[in-house]
C-alpha atoms as a PDB file:
ATOM      1  CA  UNK A   1     -14.426  13.991  11.400  1.00  0.00           C
ATOM      2  CA  UNK A   2     -11.151  12.428  12.503  1.00  0.00           C
ATOM      3  CA  UNK A   3     -11.240   9.286  14.646  1.00  0.00           C
ATOM      4  CA  UNK A   4     -10.710   9.860  18.358  1.00  0.00           C
ATOM      5  CA  UNK A   5      -7.222   9.492  19.782  1.00  0.00           C
ATOM      6  CA  UNK A   6      -6.348   5.961  20.840  1.00  0.00           C
ATOM      7  CA  UNK A   7      -4.169   5.427  23.880  1.00  0.00           C
ATOM      8  CA  UNK A   8      -2.557   2.361  22.375  1.00  0.00           C
ATOM      9  CA  UNK A   9      -1.906   3.872  18.972  1.00  0.00           C
ATOM     10  CA  UNK A  10       1.606   4.834  17.850  1.00  0.00           C
ATOM     11  CA  UNK A  11       2.035   7.642  15.361  1.00  0.00           C
ATOM     12  CA  UNK A  12      -0.291   9.932  13.459  1.00  0.00           C
ATOM     13  CA  UNK A  13      -3.705   8.939  12.192  1.00  0.00           C
ATOM     14  CA  UNK A  14      -4.866   9.828   8.717  1.00  0.00           C
ATOM     15  CA  UNK A  15      -8.220  11.427   8.079  1.00  0.00           C
ATOM     16  CA  UNK A  16     -11.038   8.900   7.897  1.00  0.00           C
ATOM     17  CA  UNK A  17     -13.861   8.973   5.383  1.00  0.00           C
ATOM     18  CA  UNK A  18     -17.443   9.157   6.613  1.00  0.00           C
ATOM     19  CA  UNK A  19     -18.646   6.282   4.484  1.00  0.00           C
ATOM     20  CA  UNK A  20     -20.160   3.895   7.004  1.00  0.00           C
ATOM     21  CA  UNK A  21     -18.725   1.921   9.918  1.00  0.00           C
ATOM     22  CA  UNK A  22     -15.001   2.499  10.374  1.00  0.00           C
ATOM     23  CA  UNK A  23     -12.451  -0.301  10.314  1.00  0.00           C
ATOM     24  CA  UNK A  24     -12.031   0.205  14.062  1.00  0.00           C
ATOM     25  CA  UNK A  25     -15.706  -0.600  14.621  1.00  0.00           C
ATOM     26  CA  UNK A  26     -15.747  -3.517  12.196  1.00  0.00           C
ATOM     27  CA  UNK A  27     -12.560  -5.024  13.630  1.00  0.00           C
ATOM     28  CA  UNK A  28     -13.809  -4.840  17.209  1.00  0.00           C
ATOM     29  CA  UNK A  29     -10.689  -3.011  18.409  1.00  0.00           C
ATOM     30  CA  UNK A  30     -11.034  -1.373  21.838  1.00  0.00           C
ATOM     31  CA  UNK A  31      -8.516   1.516  22.065  1.00  0.00           C
ATOM     32  CA  UNK A  32      -8.825   1.826  25.850  1.00  0.00           C
ATOM     33  CA  UNK A  33      -8.099  -1.845  26.451  1.00  0.00           C
ATOM     34  CA  UNK A  34      -5.710  -2.027  23.489  1.00  0.00           C
ATOM     35  CA  UNK A  35      -7.148  -5.322  22.295  1.00  0.00           C
ATOM     36  CA  UNK A  36      -9.475  -6.790  19.702  1.00  0.00           C
ATOM     37  CA  UNK A  37     -12.739  -8.552  20.393  1.00  0.00           C
ATOM     38  CA  UNK A  38     -12.563 -11.226  19.200  1.00  0.00           C
ATOM     39  CA  UNK A  39      -8.782 -11.572  19.199  1.00  0.00           C
ATOM     40  CA  UNK A  40      -6.823 -13.470  16.562  1.00  0.00           C
ATOM     41  CA  UNK A  41      -6.915 -17.205  17.324  1.00  0.00           C
ATOM     42  CA  UNK A  42      -9.592 -16.454  19.898  1.00  0.00           C
ATOM     43  CA  UNK A  43      -9.920 -20.092  20.988  1.00  0.00           C
ATOM     44  CA  UNK A  44      -6.247 -20.493  21.931  1.00  0.00           C
ATOM     45  CA  UNK A  45      -7.048 -20.539  25.644  1.00  0.00           C
ATOM     46  CA  UNK A  46      -9.268 -23.593  25.249  1.00  0.00           C
ATOM     47  CA  UNK A  47      -6.091 -25.616  24.726  1.00  0.00           C
ATOM     48  CA  UNK A  48      -5.306 -25.468  28.433  1.00  0.00           C
ATOM     49  CA  UNK A  49      -8.663 -24.534  29.952  1.00  0.00           C
ATOM     50  CA  UNK A  50      -8.958 -27.817  31.853  1.00  0.00           C
ATOM     51  CA  UNK A  51      -5.266 -28.539  32.300  1.00  0.00           C
ATOM     52  CA  UNK A  52      -3.613 -28.510  35.713  1.00  0.00           C
ATOM     53  CA  UNK A  53      -0.362 -29.779  37.144  1.00  0.00           C
ATOM     54  CA  UNK A  54      -0.726 -32.383  39.873  1.00  0.00           C
ATOM     55  CA  UNK A  55       1.776 -33.928  42.249  1.00  0.00           C
ATOM     56  CA  UNK A  56       0.704 -37.337  40.983  1.00  0.00           C
ATOM     57  CA  UNK A  57       1.672 -36.527  37.367  1.00  0.00           C
ATOM     58  CA  UNK A  58       4.224 -38.833  35.791  1.00  0.00           C
ATOM     59  CA  UNK A  59       7.292 -37.415  34.076  1.00  0.00           C
ATOM     60  CA  UNK A  60       5.685 -38.061  30.676  1.00  0.00           C
ATOM     61  CA  UNK A  61       2.457 -36.315  31.698  1.00  0.00           C
ATOM     62  CA  UNK A  62       4.358 -33.326  33.023  1.00  0.00           C
ATOM     63  CA  UNK A  63       6.418 -33.054  29.831  1.00  0.00           C
ATOM     64  CA  UNK A  64       3.252 -33.258  27.724  1.00  0.00           C
ATOM     65  CA  UNK A  65       1.650 -30.440  29.700  1.00  0.00           C
ATOM     66  CA  UNK A  66       4.788 -28.324  29.381  1.00  0.00           C
ATOM     67  CA  UNK A  67       4.684 -28.897  25.639  1.00  0.00           C
ATOM     68  CA  UNK A  68       1.066 -27.694  25.569  1.00  0.00           C
ATOM     69  CA  UNK A  69       2.149 -24.545  27.411  1.00  0.00           C
ATOM     70  CA  UNK A  70       4.895 -23.912  24.867  1.00  0.00           C
ATOM     71  CA  UNK A  71       2.413 -24.292  22.022  1.00  0.00           C
ATOM     72  CA  UNK A  72       0.035 -21.903  23.753  1.00  0.00           C
ATOM     73  CA  UNK A  73       2.875 -19.415  24.263  1.00  0.00           C
ATOM     74  CA  UNK A  74       3.667 -19.480  20.526  1.00  0.00           C
ATOM     75  CA  UNK A  75       0.029 -18.848  19.692  1.00  0.00           C
ATOM     76  CA  UNK A  76       0.015 -15.844  22.032  1.00  0.00           C
ATOM     77  CA  UNK A  77       3.193 -14.558  20.389  1.00  0.00           C
ATOM     78  CA  UNK A  78       1.533 -14.796  16.979  1.00  0.00           C
ATOM     79  CA  UNK A  79      -1.549 -12.978  18.303  1.00  0.00           C
ATOM     80  CA  UNK A  80       0.606 -10.176  19.693  1.00  0.00           C
ATOM     81  CA  UNK A  81       2.668 -10.000  16.493  1.00  0.00           C
ATOM     82  CA  UNK A  82      -0.450  -9.554  14.361  1.00  0.00           C
ATOM     83  CA  UNK A  83      -1.966  -6.952  16.676  1.00  0.00           C
ATOM     84  CA  UNK A  84       1.276  -4.968  16.840  1.00  0.00           C
ATOM     85  CA  UNK A  85       1.592  -5.135  13.063  1.00  0.00           C
ATOM     86  CA  UNK A  86      -1.916  -3.724  12.573  1.00  0.00           C
ATOM     87  CA  UNK A  87      -1.358  -0.890  15.045  1.00  0.00           C
ATOM     88  CA  UNK A  88       2.152   0.011  13.914  1.00  0.00           C
ATOM     89  CA  UNK A  89       1.103   0.088  10.266  1.00  0.00           C
ATOM     90  CA  UNK A  90      -2.049   2.069  11.126  1.00  0.00           C
ATOM     91  CA  UNK A  91      -4.221  -0.399   9.216  1.00  0.00           C
ATOM     92  CA  UNK A  92      -7.373   0.513  11.134  1.00  0.00           C
ATOM     93  CA  UNK A  93      -7.594   3.893   9.408  1.00  0.00           C
ATOM     94  CA  UNK A  94      -7.601   5.017   5.761  1.00  0.00           C
ATOM     95  CA  UNK A  95      -4.200   5.555   4.204  1.00  0.00           C
ATOM     96  CA  UNK A  96      -3.301   9.098   3.144  1.00  0.00           C
ATOM     97  CA  UNK A  97      -1.790   7.734  -0.050  1.00  0.00           C
ATOM     98  CA  UNK A  98      -5.044   6.029  -1.043  1.00  0.00           C
ATOM     99  CA  UNK A  99      -7.274   8.980  -0.134  1.00  0.00           C
ATOM    100  CA  UNK A 100      -7.312  10.464  -3.644  1.00  0.00           C
ATOM    101  CA  UNK A 101      -7.082   7.203  -5.594  1.00  0.00           C
ATOM    102  CA  UNK A 102      -9.889   5.943  -7.770  1.00  0.00           C
ATOM    103  CA  UNK A 103     -11.817   2.804  -6.704  1.00  0.00           C
ATOM    104  CA  UNK A 104      -9.949   0.889  -9.416  1.00  0.00           C
ATOM    105  CA  UNK A 105      -6.582   2.045  -8.059  1.00  0.00           C
ATOM    106  CA  UNK A 106      -7.544   1.216  -4.465  1.00  0.00           C
ATOM    107  CA  UNK A 107      -8.519  -2.281  -5.614  1.00  0.00           C
ATOM    108  CA  UNK A 108      -5.033  -2.625  -7.133  1.00  0.00           C
ATOM    109  CA  UNK A 109      -3.487  -1.607  -3.797  1.00  0.00           C
ATOM    110  CA  UNK A 110      -5.502  -4.308  -2.014  1.00  0.00           C
ATOM    111  CA  UNK A 111      -3.931  -6.974  -4.220  1.00  0.00           C
ATOM    112  CA  UNK A 112      -0.515  -6.005  -2.847  1.00  0.00           C
ATOM    113  CA  UNK A 113      -1.490  -6.140   0.832  1.00  0.00           C
ATOM    114  CA  UNK A 114      -0.133  -9.679   0.985  1.00  0.00           C
ATOM    115  CA  UNK A 115       3.405  -8.327   0.495  1.00  0.00           C
ATOM    116  CA  UNK A 116       3.129  -5.814   3.335  1.00  0.00           C
ATOM    117  CA  UNK A 117       4.672  -8.144   5.896  1.00  0.00           C
ATOM    118  CA  UNK A 118       7.872  -8.395   3.836  1.00  0.00           C
ATOM    119  CA  UNK A 119       8.406  -4.621   3.661  1.00  0.00           C
ATOM    120  CA  UNK A 120       8.836  -1.730   5.999  1.00  0.00           C
ATOM    121  CA  UNK A 121       6.014   0.812   5.920  1.00  0.00           C
ATOM    122  CA  UNK A 122       8.091   3.111   3.703  1.00  0.00           C
ATOM    123  CA  UNK A 123       9.088   0.309   1.333  1.00  0.00           C
ATOM    124  CA  UNK A 124       5.506  -0.836   0.901  1.00  0.00           C
ATOM    125  CA  UNK A 125       4.244   2.682   0.214  1.00  0.00           C
ATOM    126  CA  UNK A 126       7.019   3.137  -2.342  1.00  0.00           C
ATOM    127  CA  UNK A 127       5.911  -0.114  -3.989  1.00  0.00           C
ATOM    128  CA  UNK A 128       2.301   1.082  -4.171  1.00  0.00           C
ATOM    129  CA  UNK A 129       3.361   4.424  -5.620  1.00  0.00           C
ATOM    130  CA  UNK A 130       5.361   2.626  -8.308  1.00  0.00           C
ATOM    131  CA  UNK A 131       2.513   0.228  -9.118  1.00  0.00           C
ATOM    132  CA  UNK A 132      -0.085   3.010  -9.339  1.00  0.00           C
ATOM    133  CA  UNK A 133       2.256   5.151 -11.429  1.00  0.00           C
ATOM    134  CA  UNK A 134       2.766   2.246 -13.822  1.00  0.00           C
ATOM    135  CA  UNK A 135      -0.988   1.614 -13.964  1.00  0.00           C
ATOM    136  CA  UNK A 136      -1.693   5.253 -14.795  1.00  0.00           C
ATOM    137  CA  UNK A 137       1.010   5.321 -17.462  1.00  0.00           C
ATOM    138  CA  UNK A 138      -0.349   2.206 -19.162  1.00  0.00           C
ATOM    139  CA  UNK A 139      -3.892   3.558 -18.936  1.00  0.00           C
ATOM    140  CA  UNK A 140      -2.783   6.872 -20.440  1.00  0.00           C
ATOM    141  CA  UNK A 141      -1.023   5.107 -23.302  1.00  0.00           C
ATOM    142  CA  UNK A 142      -4.164   3.058 -23.971  1.00  0.00           C
ATOM    143  CA  UNK A 143      -6.308   6.209 -23.990  1.00  0.00           C
ATOM    144  CA  UNK A 144      -3.984   7.971 -26.420  1.00  0.00           C
ATOM    145  CA  UNK A 145      -3.978   4.938 -28.711  1.00  0.00           C
ATOM    146  CA  UNK A 146      -7.768   4.955 -28.653  1.00  0.00           C
ATOM    147  CA  UNK A 147      -7.836   8.688 -29.442  1.00  0.00           C
ATOM    148  CA  UNK A 148      -5.370   8.170 -32.285  1.00  0.00           C
ATOM    149  CA  UNK A 149      -7.531   5.384 -33.713  1.00  0.00           C
ATOM    150  CA  UNK A 150     -10.493   7.780 -33.556  1.00  0.00           C
ATOM    151  CA  UNK A 151      -8.635  10.241 -35.772  1.00  0.00           C
ATOM    152  CA  UNK A 152      -7.013  12.591 -33.252  1.00  0.00           C
ATOM    153  CA  UNK A 153      -3.623  13.936 -34.321  1.00  0.00           C
ATOM    154  CA  UNK A 154      -2.736  16.426 -31.580  1.00  0.00           C
ATOM    155  CA  UNK A 155      -2.773  16.343 -27.775  1.00  0.00           C
ATOM    156  CA  UNK A 156      -5.556  18.942 -27.727  1.00  0.00           C
ATOM    157  CA  UNK A 157      -7.731  16.837 -30.012  1.00  0.00           C
ATOM    158  CA  UNK A 158      -7.002  13.768 -27.893  1.00  0.00           C
ATOM    159  CA  UNK A 159      -7.963  15.540 -24.656  1.00  0.00           C
ATOM    160  CA  UNK A 160     -11.174  16.837 -26.221  1.00  0.00           C
ATOM    161  CA  UNK A 161     -12.087  13.350 -27.451  1.00  0.00           C
ATOM    162  CA  UNK A 162     -11.341  11.702 -24.085  1.00  0.00           C
ATOM    163  CA  UNK A 163     -13.241  14.364 -22.149  1.00  0.00           C
ATOM    164  CA  UNK A 164     -16.306  13.881 -24.350  1.00  0.00           C
ATOM    165  CA  UNK A 165     -16.025  10.113 -23.907  1.00  0.00           C
ATOM    166  CA  UNK A 166     -15.856  10.407 -20.103  1.00  0.00           C
ATOM    167  CA  UNK A 167     -18.822  12.786 -20.090  1.00  0.00           C
ATOM    168  CA  UNK A 168     -20.835  10.405 -22.261  1.00  0.00           C
ATOM    169  CA  UNK A 169     -20.020   7.436 -20.005  1.00  0.00           C
ATOM    170  CA  UNK A 170     -21.011   9.433 -16.914  1.00  0.00           C
ATOM    171  CA  UNK A 171     -24.348  10.354 -18.458  1.00  0.00           C
ATOM    172  CA  UNK A 172     -24.992   6.742 -19.496  1.00  0.00           C
ATOM    173  CA  UNK A 173     -24.211   5.460 -15.997  1.00  0.00           C
ATOM    174  CA  UNK A 174     -26.471   8.079 -14.440  1.00  0.00           C
ATOM    175  CA  UNK A 175     -29.278   7.163 -16.849  1.00  0.00           C
ATOM    176  CA  UNK A 176     -28.803   3.448 -16.144  1.00  0.00           C
ATOM    177  CA  UNK A 177     -28.850   4.034 -12.393  1.00  0.00           C
ATOM    178  CA  UNK A 178     -31.977   6.151 -12.672  1.00  0.00           C
ATOM    179  CA  UNK A 179     -33.829   3.428 -14.555  1.00  0.00           C
ATOM    180  CA  UNK A 180     -32.659   0.575 -12.320  1.00  0.00           C
ATOM    181  CA  UNK A 181     -35.034  -0.766  -9.638  1.00  0.00           C
ATOM    182  CA  UNK A 182     -34.771   0.475  -6.089  1.00  0.00           C
ATOM    183  CA  UNK A 183     -32.373  -1.803  -4.263  1.00  0.00           C
ATOM    184  CA  UNK A 184     -31.945  -0.013  -0.950  1.00  0.00           C
ATOM    185  CA  UNK A 185     -32.265  -1.686   2.414  1.00  0.00           C
ATOM    186  CA  UNK A 186     -35.729  -2.860   3.372  1.00  0.00           C
ATOM    187  CA  UNK A 187     -35.738  -0.344   6.224  1.00  0.00           C
ATOM    188  CA  UNK A 188     -36.185   2.437   3.661  1.00  0.00           C
ATOM    189  CA  UNK A 189     -39.820   1.435   3.270  1.00  0.00           C
ATOM    190  CA  UNK A 190     -41.682  -0.720   0.768  1.00  0.00           C
ATOM    191  CA  UNK A 191     -41.041  -4.352  -0.149  1.00  0.00           C
ATOM    192  CA  UNK A 192     -37.545  -5.302  -1.164  1.00  0.00           C
ATOM    193  CA  UNK A 193     -37.620  -8.115  -3.761  1.00  0.00           C
ATOM    194  CA  UNK A 194     -34.062  -9.156  -2.998  1.00  0.00           C
ATOM    195  CA  UNK A 195     -34.831  -9.713   0.661  1.00  0.00           C
ATOM    196  CA  UNK A 196     -38.195 -11.429   0.207  1.00  0.00           C
ATOM    197  CA  UNK A 197     -37.603 -14.584  -1.771  1.00  0.00           C
ATOM    198  CA  UNK A 198     -40.591 -16.247  -0.137  1.00  0.00           C
ATOM    199  CA  UNK A 199     -43.137 -13.919  -1.795  1.00  0.00           C
ATOM    200  CA  UNK A 200     -44.812 -14.995  -5.038  1.00  0.00           C
ATOM    201  CA  UNK A 201     -46.122 -13.148  -8.078  1.00  0.00           C
ATOM    202  CA  UNK A 202     -49.193 -14.063 -10.124  1.00  0.00           C
ATOM    203  CA  UNK A 203     -47.228 -16.773 -11.935  1.00  0.00           C
ATOM    204  CA  UNK A 204     -46.191 -18.387  -8.630  1.00  0.00           C
ATOM    205  CA  UNK A 205     -42.589 -17.439  -9.374  1.00  0.00           C
ATOM    206  CA  UNK A 206     -40.510 -16.085  -6.480  1.00  0.00           C
ATOM    207  CA  UNK A 207     -40.328 -12.326  -6.741  1.00  0.00           C
ATOM    208  CA  UNK A 208     -36.694 -12.430  -5.681  1.00  0.00           C
ATOM    209  CA  UNK A 209     -35.923 -14.801  -8.532  1.00  0.00           C
ATOM    210  CA  UNK A 210     -37.556 -12.510 -11.101  1.00  0.00           C
ATOM    211  CA  UNK A 211     -35.693  -9.511  -9.768  1.00  0.00           C
ATOM    212  CA  UNK A 212     -32.433 -11.441  -9.611  1.00  0.00           C
ATOM    213  CA  UNK A 213     -32.730 -12.397 -13.269  1.00  0.00           C
ATOM    214  CA  UNK A 214     -33.045  -8.707 -14.051  1.00  0.00           C
ATOM    215  CA  UNK A 215     -29.900  -7.986 -12.049  1.00  0.00           C
ATOM    216  CA  UNK A 216     -28.097 -10.686 -13.988  1.00  0.00           C
ATOM    217  CA  UNK A 217     -28.617  -8.666 -17.167  1.00  0.00           C
ATOM    218  CA  UNK A 218     -27.066  -5.549 -15.649  1.00  0.00           C
ATOM    219  CA  UNK A 219     -23.552  -4.477 -14.814  1.00  0.00           C
ATOM    220  CA  UNK A 220     -22.842  -4.888 -11.096  1.00  0.00           C
ATOM    221  CA  UNK A 221     -20.745  -1.711 -11.218  1.00  0.00           C
ATOM    222  CA  UNK A 222     -23.820   0.344 -12.129  1.00  0.00           C
ATOM    223  CA  UNK A 223     -25.147   0.055  -8.569  1.00  0.00           C
ATOM    224  CA  UNK A 224     -24.353   2.421  -5.744  1.00  0.00           C
ATOM    225  CA  UNK A 225     -21.703   1.013  -3.425  1.00  0.00           C
ATOM    226  CA  UNK A 226     -20.124  -1.227  -6.071  1.00  0.00           C
ATOM    227  CA  UNK A 227     -16.902   0.780  -5.862  1.00  0.00           C
ATOM    228  CA  UNK A 228     -16.571  -0.282  -2.208  1.00  0.00           C
ATOM    229  CA  UNK A 229     -16.325  -3.969  -3.105  1.00  0.00           C
ATOM    230  CA  UNK A 230     -13.179  -5.982  -3.669  1.00  0.00           C
ATOM    231  CA  UNK A 231     -12.786  -7.985  -6.870  1.00  0.00           C
ATOM    232  CA  UNK A 232     -13.782 -11.155  -5.012  1.00  0.00           C
ATOM    233  CA  UNK A 233     -16.911  -9.451  -3.662  1.00  0.00           C
ATOM    234  CA  UNK A 234     -17.866  -8.189  -7.111  1.00  0.00           C
ATOM    235  CA  UNK A 235     -17.588 -11.723  -8.467  1.00  0.00           C
ATOM    236  CA  UNK A 236     -19.678 -13.010  -5.576  1.00  0.00           C
ATOM    237  CA  UNK A 237     -22.447 -10.444  -6.188  1.00  0.00           C
ATOM    238  CA  UNK A 238     -22.394 -11.257  -9.894  1.00  0.00           C
ATOM    239  CA  UNK A 239     -22.612 -15.003  -9.333  1.00  0.00           C
ATOM    240  CA  UNK A 240     -25.451 -14.663  -6.809  1.00  0.00           C
ATOM    241  CA  UNK A 241     -27.167 -11.841  -8.767  1.00  0.00           C
ATOM    242  CA  UNK A 242     -27.126  -9.877  -5.521  1.00  0.00           C
ATOM    243  CA  UNK A 243     -27.054  -6.042  -5.769  1.00  0.00           C
ATOM    244  CA  UNK A 244     -24.066  -4.466  -3.969  1.00  0.00           C
ATOM    245  CA  UNK A 245     -26.275  -2.315  -1.662  1.00  0.00           C
ATOM    246  CA  UNK A 246     -28.005  -5.452  -0.381  1.00  0.00           C
ATOM    247  CA  UNK A 247     -24.698  -7.292  -0.019  1.00  0.00           C
ATOM    248  CA  UNK A 248     -23.174  -4.403   1.952  1.00  0.00           C
ATOM    249  CA  UNK A 249     -26.234  -4.244   4.221  1.00  0.00           C
ATOM    250  CA  UNK A 250     -25.981  -7.988   4.892  1.00  0.00           C
ATOM    251  CA  UNK A 251     -22.275  -7.619   5.704  1.00  0.00           C
ATOM    252  CA  UNK A 252     -23.039  -4.781   8.100  1.00  0.00           C
ATOM    253  CA  UNK A 253     -25.848  -6.649   9.898  1.00  0.00           C
ATOM    254  CA  UNK A 254     -23.822  -9.870  10.217  1.00  0.00           C
ATOM    255  CA  UNK A 255     -20.752  -8.006  11.483  1.00  0.00           C
ATOM    256  CA  UNK A 256     -22.786  -6.278  14.182  1.00  0.00           C
ATOM    257  CA  UNK A 257     -24.307  -9.596  15.266  1.00  0.00           C
ATOM    258  CA  UNK A 258     -20.891 -11.273  15.349  1.00  0.00           C
ATOM    259  CA  UNK A 259     -19.221  -8.524  17.377  1.00  0.00           C
ATOM    260  CA  UNK A 260     -22.144  -8.461  19.814  1.00  0.00           C
ATOM    261  CA  UNK A 261     -21.780 -12.217  20.374  1.00  0.00           C
ATOM    262  CA  UNK A 262     -25.158 -13.141  18.864  1.00  0.00           C
ATOM    263  CA  UNK A 263     -23.745 -15.087  15.919  1.00  0.00           C
ATOM    264  CA  UNK A 264     -21.099 -17.793  15.952  1.00  0.00           C
ATOM    265  CA  UNK A 265     -21.943 -19.881  12.862  1.00  0.00           C
ATOM    266  CA  UNK A 266     -23.461 -19.316   9.451  1.00  0.00           C
ATOM    267  CA  UNK A 267     -26.802 -20.925  10.281  1.00  0.00           C
ATOM    268  CA  UNK A 268     -27.386 -18.197  12.891  1.00  0.00           C
ATOM    269  CA  UNK A 269     -27.714 -15.702  10.038  1.00  0.00           C
ATOM    270  CA  UNK A 270     -30.477 -17.513   8.143  1.00  0.00           C
ATOM    271  CA  UNK A 271     -33.288 -15.918  10.139  1.00  0.00           C
ATOM    272  CA  UNK A 272     -31.904 -12.406   9.679  1.00  0.00           C
ATOM    273  CA  UNK A 273     -32.754 -12.202   5.984  1.00  0.00           C
ATOM    274  CA  UNK A 274     -35.657 -13.228   3.782  1.00  0.00           C
ATOM    275  CA  UNK A 275     -33.362 -14.661   1.165  1.00  0.00           C
ATOM    276  CA  UNK A 276     -32.097 -18.091   0.142  1.00  0.00           C
ATOM    277  CA  UNK A 277     -29.964 -19.638   2.932  1.00  0.00           C
ATOM    278  CA  UNK A 278     -27.324 -20.625   0.361  1.00  0.00           C
ATOM    279  CA  UNK A 279     -26.761 -16.954  -0.490  1.00  0.00           C
ATOM    280  CA  UNK A 280     -26.594 -16.036   3.189  1.00  0.00           C
ATOM    281  CA  UNK A 281     -23.988 -18.776   3.659  1.00  0.00           C
ATOM    282  CA  UNK A 282     -21.811 -17.380   0.865  1.00  0.00           C
ATOM    283  CA  UNK A 283     -21.924 -13.873   2.331  1.00  0.00           C
ATOM    284  CA  UNK A 284     -21.003 -15.330   5.730  1.00  0.00           C
ATOM    285  CA  UNK A 285     -18.082 -17.190   4.128  1.00  0.00           C
ATOM    286  CA  UNK A 286     -16.831 -13.868   2.786  1.00  0.00           C
ATOM    287  CA  UNK A 287     -16.764 -12.586   6.391  1.00  0.00           C
ATOM    288  CA  UNK A 288     -14.725 -15.664   7.305  1.00  0.00           C
ATOM    289  CA  UNK A 289     -12.187 -14.775   4.600  1.00  0.00           C
ATOM    290  CA  UNK A 290     -12.044 -11.237   5.967  1.00  0.00           C
ATOM    291  CA  UNK A 291     -11.242 -12.642   9.423  1.00  0.00           C
ATOM    292  CA  UNK A 292     -14.414 -11.219  10.972  1.00  0.00           C
ATOM    293  CA  UNK A 293     -16.373 -14.476  11.331  1.00  0.00           C
ATOM    294  CA  UNK A 294     -15.313 -17.876  12.580  1.00  0.00           C
ATOM    295  CA  UNK A 295     -15.484 -20.796  10.103  1.00  0.00           C
END
């Protein structure tokens, strides 16, 4: 289903994917009010919250207060610039160009987001098309080299070999997923070892620790939802031995608490999960990097 029309939006909206909370919901954007909650640099107003001009002010005091107002004005300009950029570039909705890309290709596109501010929308999309085209060409060359090394001499033989390889990898991934432990959210019923680090087994070893060691021996990408993670998030899950489904659930819960005003610092999240506080802190820090949480 397409996202509802926004009064403050300029241009057409691409079709959104029904794969969880939308970027509009996660960003806290209110289409009717045409503003984010929280806004960028949300504490800017505190700079002059208690400031007032008085008849008794000296010339130096008046100049200092005027300087504070100019600083505040620049911060508002930056806030407006960022909001306008997001809306004009339609960054709150999935991009048509990325709709049919593989998770690997979408991850490549994310690495080029930093250059978006230097390009027009058309220039940036042209850049992405060129980068993805180059990636596919290099990948195709690598596949053909692999097929040639396997003894293929014609394009038909190469395609047959590559198709069989892809089928075999799909079957292996499906088999690995089937044999992996259940790592869904605890709300699905039954104990969740990754969210209950305070429980003990017969050897007095934390159940979460035993399960985490098992995760450490597995490929993070074998879990459902791994394709939704950025490269930094994949590294984080690997380092913490935290399954992607659990990580995504923690991100969702924290985001909801932040946007509802119930969480303002990382320690507020410790009681939400039965897991080591240090891991909760690292997930919270990822939200800070995303601009959702306050440091």
